[in-house]
């Protein structure tokens, strides 16, 4: 699906041909969907053309807390169980 948004020129003063604005809007879309848990970290990375590490750095740069994913929780649980059984 392609979405086209029209923004009056007076609000877009520093972007030649709108490329920077298009990228900013794509990033804002990705951030908001990630915040609302409508998009995973992997989805955000794919949409923005990032590796997982780059996506994590992007979220950190924008001060977006990284959500816990099932793999993270399972890994934490294994670590706790190992600690408790020592």
PDB file of N, CA and C in Angstrom:
ATOM      1  N   UNK A   1       0.848  -1.169   0.000  1.00  0.00           N
ATOM      2  CA  UNK A   1       0.000   0.000   0.000  1.00  0.00           C
ATOM      3  C   UNK A   1       0.891   1.227   0.000  1.00  0.00           C
ATOM      4  N   UNK A   2       0.517   2.189  -0.763  1.00  0.00           N
ATOM      5  CA  UNK A   2       1.229   3.456  -0.780  1.00  0.00           C
ATOM      6  C   UNK A   2       0.297   4.519  -0.224  1.00  0.00           C
ATOM      7  N   UNK A   3       0.808   5.312   0.705  1.00  0.00           N
ATOM      8  CA  UNK A   3       0.031   6.385   1.308  1.00  0.00           C
ATOM      9  C   UNK A   3       0.656   7.706   0.895  1.00  0.00           C
ATOM     10  N   UNK A   4      -0.164   8.619   0.418  1.00  0.00           N
ATOM     11  CA  UNK A   4       0.309   9.931  -0.008  1.00  0.00           C
ATOM     12  C   UNK A   4      -0.303  10.972   0.921  1.00  0.00           C
ATOM     13  N   UNK A   5       0.560  11.834   1.463  1.00  0.00           N
ATOM     14  CA  UNK A   5       0.124  12.890   2.373  1.00  0.00           C
ATOM     15  C   UNK A   5       0.543  14.223   1.776  1.00  0.00           C
ATOM     16  N   UNK A   6      -0.355  15.167   1.792  1.00  0.00           N
ATOM     17  CA  UNK A   6      -0.057  16.494   1.265  1.00  0.00           C
ATOM     18  C   UNK A   6       0.167  17.461   2.426  1.00  0.00           C
ATOM     19  N   UNK A   7       1.346  18.108   2.429  1.00  0.00           N
ATOM     20  CA  UNK A   7       1.687  19.082   3.464  1.00  0.00           C
ATOM     21  C   UNK A   7       1.953  20.415   2.776  1.00  0.00           C
ATOM     22  N   UNK A   8       1.285  21.477   3.202  1.00  0.00           N
ATOM     23  CA  UNK A   8       1.524  22.787   2.578  1.00  0.00           C
ATOM     24  C   UNK A   8       2.994  23.196   2.674  1.00  0.00           C
ATOM     25  N   UNK A   9       3.481  23.831   1.619  1.00  0.00           N
ATOM     26  CA  UNK A   9       4.893  24.237   1.535  1.00  0.00           C
ATOM     27  C   UNK A   9       5.359  25.053   2.728  1.00  0.00           C
ATOM     28  N   UNK A  10       4.500  25.893   3.271  1.00  0.00           N
ATOM     29  CA  UNK A  10       4.929  26.756   4.381  1.00  0.00           C
ATOM     30  C   UNK A  10       5.355  25.948   5.610  1.00  0.00           C
ATOM     31  N   UNK A  11       4.953  24.682   5.689  1.00  0.00           N
ATOM     32  CA  UNK A  11       5.347  23.836   6.813  1.00  0.00           C
ATOM     33  C   UNK A  11       6.557  22.971   6.491  1.00  0.00           C
ATOM     34  N   UNK A  12       7.015  23.031   5.261  1.00  0.00           N
ATOM     35  CA  UNK A  12       8.140  22.218   4.814  1.00  0.00           C
ATOM     36  C   UNK A  12       9.153  23.128   4.138  1.00  0.00           C
ATOM     37  N   UNK A  13       9.910  23.845   4.934  1.00  0.00           N
ATOM     38  CA  UNK A  13      10.796  24.860   4.365  1.00  0.00           C
ATOM     39  C   UNK A  13      12.195  24.349   4.048  1.00  0.00           C
ATOM     40  N   UNK A  14      12.686  23.335   4.747  1.00  0.00           N
ATOM     41  CA  UNK A  14      14.086  22.960   4.592  1.00  0.00           C
ATOM     42  C   UNK A  14      14.303  21.651   3.837  1.00  0.00           C
ATOM     43  N   UNK A  15      13.270  21.089   3.235  1.00  0.00           N
ATOM     44  CA  UNK A  15      13.418  19.793   2.590  1.00  0.00           C
ATOM     45  C   UNK A  15      13.345  19.913   1.068  1.00  0.00           C
ATOM     46  N   UNK A  16      14.471  19.689   0.398  1.00  0.00           N
ATOM     47  CA  UNK A  16      14.433  19.728  -1.064  1.00  0.00           C
ATOM     48  C   UNK A  16      13.639  18.552  -1.614  1.00  0.00           C
ATOM     49  N   UNK A  17      12.633  18.840  -2.388  1.00  0.00           N
ATOM     50  CA  UNK A  17      11.800  17.828  -3.049  1.00  0.00           C
ATOM     51  C   UNK A  17      11.097  16.882  -2.081  1.00  0.00           C
ATOM     52  N   UNK A  18      11.070  17.205  -0.826  1.00  0.00           N
ATOM     53  CA  UNK A  18      10.303  16.427   0.131  1.00  0.00           C
ATOM     54  C   UNK A  18      10.924  15.124   0.597  1.00  0.00           C
ATOM     55  N   UNK A  19      12.149  14.774   0.150  1.00  0.00           N
ATOM     56  CA  UNK A  19      12.738  13.497   0.559  1.00  0.00           C
ATOM     57  C   UNK A  19      12.923  13.413   2.071  1.00  0.00           C
ATOM     58  N   UNK A  20      13.446  14.471   2.659  1.00  0.00           N
ATOM     59  CA  UNK A  20      13.686  14.452   4.103  1.00  0.00           C
ATOM     60  C   UNK A  20      12.370  14.358   4.861  1.00  0.00           C
ATOM     61  N   UNK A  21      11.364  15.047   4.402  1.00  0.00           N
ATOM     62  CA  UNK A  21      10.065  15.012   5.068  1.00  0.00           C
ATOM     63  C   UNK A  21       9.456  13.623   4.949  1.00  0.00           C
ATOM     64  N   UNK A  22       9.577  13.007   3.792  1.00  0.00           N
ATOM     65  CA  UNK A  22       9.047  11.658   3.605  1.00  0.00           C
ATOM     66  C   UNK A  22       9.697  10.697   4.594  1.00  0.00           C
ATOM     67  N   UNK A  23      11.004  10.798   4.746  1.00  0.00           N
ATOM     68  CA  UNK A  23      11.720   9.910   5.671  1.00  0.00           C
ATOM     69  C   UNK A  23      11.292  10.197   7.113  1.00  0.00           C
ATOM     70  N   UNK A  24      11.168  11.476   7.465  1.00  0.00           N
ATOM     71  CA  UNK A  24      10.740  11.836   8.820  1.00  0.00           C
ATOM     72  C   UNK A  24       9.356  11.275   9.113  1.00  0.00           C
ATOM     73  N   UNK A  25       8.470  11.350   8.147  1.00  0.00           N
ATOM     74  CA  UNK A  25       7.117  10.826   8.349  1.00  0.00           C
ATOM     75  C   UNK A  25       7.132   9.307   8.479  1.00  0.00           C
ATOM     76  N   UNK A  26       7.958   8.641   7.688  1.00  0.00           N
ATOM     77  CA  UNK A  26       8.079   7.189   7.781  1.00  0.00           C
ATOM     78  C   UNK A  26       8.615   6.797   9.157  1.00  0.00           C
ATOM     79  N   UNK A  27       9.636   7.511   9.631  1.00  0.00           N
ATOM     80  CA  UNK A  27      10.209   7.231  10.945  1.00  0.00           C
ATOM     81  C   UNK A  27       9.191   7.502  12.051  1.00  0.00           C
ATOM     82  N   UNK A  28       8.437   8.594  11.944  1.00  0.00           N
ATOM     83  CA  UNK A  28       7.417   8.914  12.942  1.00  0.00           C
ATOM     84  C   UNK A  28       6.338   7.831  12.965  1.00  0.00           C
ATOM     85  N   UNK A  29       5.943   7.355  11.788  1.00  0.00           N
ATOM     86  CA  UNK A  29       4.971   6.274  11.688  1.00  0.00           C
ATOM     87  C   UNK A  29       5.498   5.020  12.385  1.00  0.00           C
ATOM     88  N   UNK A  30       6.747   4.678  12.112  1.00  0.00           N
ATOM     89  CA  UNK A  30       7.352   3.491  12.718  1.00  0.00           C
ATOM     90  C   UNK A  30       7.442   3.629  14.237  1.00  0.00           C
ATOM     91  N   UNK A  31       7.883   4.789  14.713  1.00  0.00           N
ATOM     92  CA  UNK A  31       8.003   5.022  16.156  1.00  0.00           C
ATOM     93  C   UNK A  31       6.651   4.893  16.831  1.00  0.00           C
ATOM     94  N   UNK A  32       5.642   5.538  16.285  1.00  0.00           N
ATOM     95  CA  UNK A  32       4.324   5.515  16.920  1.00  0.00           C
ATOM     96  C   UNK A  32       3.725   4.114  16.923  1.00  0.00           C
ATOM     97  N   UNK A  33       3.888   3.382  15.848  1.00  0.00           N
ATOM     98  CA  UNK A  33       3.375   2.014  15.812  1.00  0.00           C
ATOM     99  C   UNK A  33       4.140   1.108  16.764  1.00  0.00           C
ATOM    100  N   UNK A  34       5.441   1.327  16.913  1.00  0.00           N
ATOM    101  CA  UNK A  34       6.233   0.562  17.878  1.00  0.00           C
ATOM    102  C   UNK A  34       5.775   0.892  19.307  1.00  0.00           C
ATOM    103  N   UNK A  35       5.578   2.165  19.586  1.00  0.00           N
ATOM    104  CA  UNK A  35       5.112   2.588  20.920  1.00  0.00           C
ATOM    105  C   UNK A  35       3.780   1.944  21.279  1.00  0.00           C
ATOM    106  N   UNK A  36       2.890   1.870  20.300  1.00  0.00           N
ATOM    107  CA  UNK A  36       1.559   1.308  20.530  1.00  0.00           C
ATOM    108  C   UNK A  36       1.552  -0.220  20.431  1.00  0.00           C
ATOM    109  N   UNK A  37       2.732  -0.804  20.285  1.00  0.00           N
ATOM    110  CA  UNK A  37       2.909  -2.251  20.171  1.00  0.00           C
ATOM    111  C   UNK A  37       2.164  -2.841  18.978  1.00  0.00           C
ATOM    112  N   UNK A  38       2.008  -2.035  17.929  1.00  0.00           N
ATOM    113  CA  UNK A  38       1.418  -2.506  16.682  1.00  0.00           C
ATOM    114  C   UNK A  38       2.500  -3.002  15.730  1.00  0.00           C
ATOM    115  N   UNK A  39       3.756  -2.736  16.090  1.00  0.00           N
ATOM    116  CA  UNK A  39       4.891  -3.122  15.258  1.00  0.00           C
ATOM    117  C   UNK A  39       6.004  -3.631  16.168  1.00  0.00           C
ATOM    118  N   UNK A  40       6.591  -4.733  15.780  1.00  0.00           N
ATOM    119  CA  UNK A  40       7.702  -5.295  16.549  1.00  0.00           C
ATOM    120  C   UNK A  40       9.000  -4.573  16.203  1.00  0.00           C
ATOM    121  N   UNK A  41      10.028  -4.876  16.964  1.00  0.00           N
ATOM    122  CA  UNK A  41      11.348  -4.324  16.662  1.00  0.00           C
ATOM    123  C   UNK A  41      11.790  -4.770  15.279  1.00  0.00           C
ATOM    124  N   UNK A  42      11.552  -6.032  14.952  1.00  0.00           N
ATOM    125  CA  UNK A  42      11.901  -6.544  13.624  1.00  0.00           C
ATOM    126  C   UNK A  42      11.132  -5.836  12.521  1.00  0.00           C
ATOM    127  N   UNK A  43       9.861  -5.566  12.764  1.00  0.00           N
ATOM    128  CA  UNK A  43       9.046  -4.844  11.783  1.00  0.00           C
ATOM    129  C   UNK A  43       9.550  -3.434  11.575  1.00  0.00           C
ATOM    130  N   UNK A  44       9.902  -2.761  12.673  1.00  0.00           N
ATOM    131  CA  UNK A  44      10.451  -1.411  12.589  1.00  0.00           C
ATOM    132  C   UNK A  44      11.745  -1.426  11.780  1.00  0.00           C
ATOM    133  N   UNK A  45      12.610  -2.399  12.083  1.00  0.00           N
ATOM    134  CA  UNK A  45      13.889  -2.505  11.364  1.00  0.00           C
ATOM    135  C   UNK A  45      13.649  -2.732   9.876  1.00  0.00           C
ATOM    136  N   UNK A  46      12.730  -3.619   9.547  1.00  0.00           N
ATOM    137  CA  UNK A  46      12.446  -3.907   8.138  1.00  0.00           C
ATOM    138  C   UNK A  46      11.890  -2.677   7.420  1.00  0.00           C
ATOM    139  N   UNK A  47      10.931  -2.007   8.042  1.00  0.00           N
ATOM    140  CA  UNK A  47      10.310  -0.835   7.430  1.00  0.00           C
ATOM    141  C   UNK A  47      11.329   0.266   7.147  1.00  0.00           C
ATOM    142  N   UNK A  48      12.246   0.475   8.084  1.00  0.00           N
ATOM    143  CA  UNK A  48      13.216   1.563   7.952  1.00  0.00           C
ATOM    144  C   UNK A  48      14.521   1.141   7.274  1.00  0.00           C
ATOM    145  N   UNK A  49      14.638  -0.148   6.928  1.00  0.00           N
ATOM    146  CA  UNK A  49      15.849  -0.619   6.260  1.00  0.00           C
ATOM    147  C   UNK A  49      17.037  -0.727   7.188  1.00  0.00           C
ATOM    148  N   UNK A  50      16.775  -1.068   8.459  1.00  0.00           N
ATOM    149  CA  UNK A  50      17.819  -1.168   9.477  1.00  0.00           C
ATOM    150  C   UNK A  50      18.064  -2.624   9.852  1.00  0.00           C
ATOM    151  N   UNK A  51      19.256  -2.893  10.382  1.00  0.00           N
ATOM    152  CA  UNK A  51      19.498  -4.152  11.076  1.00  0.00           C
ATOM    153  C   UNK A  51      18.840  -4.021  12.459  1.00  0.00           C
ATOM    154  N   UNK A  52      18.766  -5.110  13.206  1.00  0.00           N
ATOM    155  CA  UNK A  52      18.197  -5.046  14.555  1.00  0.00           C
ATOM    156  C   UNK A  52      19.031  -4.113  15.430  1.00  0.00           C
ATOM    157  N   UNK A  53      20.345  -4.182  15.309  1.00  0.00           N
ATOM    158  CA  UNK A  53      21.208  -3.289  16.095  1.00  0.00           C
ATOM    159  C   UNK A  53      20.967  -1.825  15.733  1.00  0.00           C
ATOM    160  N   UNK A  54      20.818  -1.547  14.450  1.00  0.00           N
ATOM    161  CA  UNK A  54      20.547  -0.172  14.018  1.00  0.00           C
ATOM    162  C   UNK A  54      19.174   0.292  14.509  1.00  0.00           C
ATOM    163  N   UNK A  55      18.210  -0.617  14.513  1.00  0.00           N
ATOM    164  CA  UNK A  55      16.871  -0.275  15.012  1.00  0.00           C
ATOM    165  C   UNK A  55      16.925   0.041  16.503  1.00  0.00           C
ATOM    166  N   UNK A  56      17.692  -0.742  17.269  1.00  0.00           N
ATOM    167  CA  UNK A  56      17.845  -0.456  18.696  1.00  0.00           C
ATOM    168  C   UNK A  56      18.512   0.901  18.905  1.00  0.00           C
ATOM    169  N   UNK A  57      19.532   1.202  18.116  1.00  0.00           N
ATOM    170  CA  UNK A  57      20.210   2.497  18.230  1.00  0.00           C
ATOM    171  C   UNK A  57      19.257   3.634  17.856  1.00  0.00           C
ATOM    172  N   UNK A  58      18.441   3.421  16.833  1.00  0.00           N
ATOM    173  CA  UNK A  58      17.449   4.414  16.411  1.00  0.00           C
ATOM    174  C   UNK A  58      16.465   4.698  17.543  1.00  0.00           C
ATOM    175  N   UNK A  59      15.964   3.641  18.177  1.00  0.00           N
ATOM    176  CA  UNK A  59      15.024   3.826  19.288  1.00  0.00           C
ATOM    177  C   UNK A  59      15.695   4.544  20.457  1.00  0.00           C
ATOM    178  N   UNK A  60      16.927   4.185  20.743  1.00  0.00           N
ATOM    179  CA  UNK A  60      17.659   4.840  21.830  1.00  0.00           C
ATOM    180  C   UNK A  60      17.866   6.320  21.520  1.00  0.00           C
ATOM    181  N   UNK A  61      18.243   6.624  20.281  1.00  0.00           N
ATOM    182  CA  UNK A  61      18.454   8.010  19.862  1.00  0.00           C
ATOM    183  C   UNK A  61      17.188   8.845  20.049  1.00  0.00           C
ATOM    184  N   UNK A  62      16.048   8.236  19.814  1.00  0.00           N
ATOM    185  CA  UNK A  62      14.768   8.937  19.930  1.00  0.00           C
ATOM    186  C   UNK A  62      14.116   8.742  21.310  1.00  0.00           C
ATOM    187  N   UNK A  63      14.897   8.181  22.222  1.00  0.00           N
ATOM    188  CA  UNK A  63      14.461   7.972  23.615  1.00  0.00           C
ATOM    189  C   UNK A  63      13.169   7.176  23.720  1.00  0.00           C
ATOM    190  N   UNK A  64      13.096   6.131  22.907  1.00  0.00           N
ATOM    191  CA  UNK A  64      11.950   5.238  22.923  1.00  0.00           C
ATOM    192  C   UNK A  64      12.378   3.992  23.688  1.00  0.00           C
ATOM    193  N   UNK A  65      11.714   3.693  24.806  1.00  0.00           N
ATOM    194  CA  UNK A  65      12.098   2.495  25.551  1.00  0.00           C
ATOM    195  C   UNK A  65      11.838   1.240  24.729  1.00  0.00           C
ATOM    196  N   UNK A  66      12.778   0.342  24.772  1.00  0.00           N
ATOM    197  CA  UNK A  66      12.639  -0.911  24.035  1.00  0.00           C
ATOM    198  C   UNK A  66      11.680  -1.811  24.784  1.00  0.00           C
ATOM    199  N   UNK A  67      10.684  -2.302  24.100  1.00  0.00           N
ATOM    200  CA  UNK A  67       9.728  -3.216  24.711  1.00  0.00           C
ATOM    201  C   UNK A  67      10.338  -4.589  24.866  1.00  0.00           C
ATOM    202  N   UNK A  68       9.861  -5.314  25.831  1.00  0.00           N
ATOM    203  CA  UNK A  68      10.335  -6.679  26.016  1.00  0.00           C
ATOM    204  C   UNK A  68       9.591  -7.592  25.057  1.00  0.00           C
ATOM    205  N   UNK A  69      10.325  -8.466  24.418  1.00  0.00           N
ATOM    206  CA  UNK A  69       9.719  -9.419  23.514  1.00  0.00           C
ATOM    207  C   UNK A  69       9.784 -10.795  24.163  1.00  0.00           C
ATOM    208  N   UNK A  70       9.022 -11.737  23.659  1.00  0.00           N
ATOM    209  CA  UNK A  70       8.933 -13.062  24.268  1.00  0.00           C
ATOM    210  C   UNK A  70      10.295 -13.720  24.423  1.00  0.00           C
ATOM    211  N   UNK A  71      11.168 -13.572  23.433  1.00  0.00           N
ATOM    212  CA  UNK A  71      12.504 -14.153  23.534  1.00  0.00           C
ATOM    213  C   UNK A  71      13.270 -13.563  24.711  1.00  0.00           C
ATOM    214  N   UNK A  72      13.146 -12.257  24.917  1.00  0.00           N
ATOM    215  CA  UNK A  72      13.825 -11.596  26.030  1.00  0.00           C
ATOM    216  C   UNK A  72      13.322 -12.153  27.355  1.00  0.00           C
ATOM    217  N   UNK A  73      12.012 -12.304  27.475  1.00  0.00           N
ATOM    218  CA  UNK A  73      11.430 -12.815  28.713  1.00  0.00           C
ATOM    219  C   UNK A  73      11.865 -14.250  28.976  1.00  0.00           C
ATOM    220  N   UNK A  74      11.894 -15.065  27.940  1.00  0.00           N
ATOM    221  CA  UNK A  74      12.320 -16.462  28.100  1.00  0.00           C
ATOM    222  C   UNK A  74      13.781 -16.530  28.529  1.00  0.00           C
ATOM    223  N   UNK A  75      14.608 -15.697  27.954  1.00  0.00           N
ATOM    224  CA  UNK A  75      16.030 -15.668  28.317  1.00  0.00           C
ATOM    225  C   UNK A  75      16.207 -15.215  29.770  1.00  0.00           C
ATOM    226  N   UNK A  76      15.470 -14.200  30.181  1.00  0.00           N
ATOM    227  CA  UNK A  76      15.538 -13.732  31.571  1.00  0.00           C
ATOM    228  C   UNK A  76      15.084 -14.821  32.532  1.00  0.00           C
ATOM    229  N   UNK A  77      14.039 -15.528  32.161  1.00  0.00           N
ATOM    230  CA  UNK A  77      13.528 -16.608  33.026  1.00  0.00           C
ATOM    231  C   UNK A  77      14.573 -17.711  33.188  1.00  0.00           C
ATOM    232  N   UNK A  78      15.220 -18.105  32.085  1.00  0.00           N
ATOM    233  CA  UNK A  78      16.273 -19.141  32.169  1.00  0.00           C
ATOM    234  C   UNK A  78      17.411 -18.672  33.072  1.00  0.00           C
ATOM    235  N   UNK A  79      17.791 -17.418  32.947  1.00  0.00           N
ATOM    236  CA  UNK A  79      18.882 -16.888  33.773  1.00  0.00           C
ATOM    237  C   UNK A  79      18.507 -16.900  35.260  1.00  0.00           C
ATOM    238  N   UNK A  80      17.282 -16.519  35.557  1.00  0.00           N
ATOM    239  CA  UNK A  80      16.825 -16.526  36.957  1.00  0.00           C
ATOM    240  C   UNK A  80      16.785 -17.947  37.504  1.00  0.00           C
ATOM    241  N   UNK A  81      16.267 -18.869  36.719  1.00  0.00           N
ATOM    242  CA  UNK A  81      16.203 -20.268  37.165  1.00  0.00           C
ATOM    243  C   UNK A  81      17.585 -20.836  37.417  1.00  0.00           C
ATOM    244  N   UNK A  82      18.550 -20.532  36.549  1.00  0.00           N
ATOM    245  CA  UNK A  82      19.919 -20.999  36.755  1.00  0.00           C
ATOM    246  C   UNK A  82      20.508 -20.409  38.035  1.00  0.00           C
ATOM    247  N   UNK A  83      20.236 -19.148  38.282  1.00  0.00           N
ATOM    248  CA  UNK A  83      20.734 -18.474  39.481  1.00  0.00           C
ATOM    249  C   UNK A  83      20.137 -19.103  40.734  1.00  0.00           C
ATOM    250  N   UNK A  84      18.854 -19.387  40.714  1.00  0.00           N
ATOM    251  CA  UNK A  84      18.167 -19.933  41.884  1.00  0.00           C
ATOM    252  C   UNK A  84      18.583 -21.373  42.178  1.00  0.00           C
ATOM    253  N   UNK A  85      19.027 -22.126  41.189  1.00  0.00           N
ATOM    254  CA  UNK A  85      19.375 -23.530  41.370  1.00  0.00           C
ATOM    255  C   UNK A  85      20.858 -23.744  41.660  1.00  0.00           C
ATOM    256  N   UNK A  86      21.605 -22.678  41.757  1.00  0.00           N
ATOM    257  CA  UNK A  86      23.043 -22.823  42.054  1.00  0.00           C
ATOM    258  C   UNK A  86      23.274 -23.071  43.514  1.00  0.00           C
TER     259      UNK A  86
END
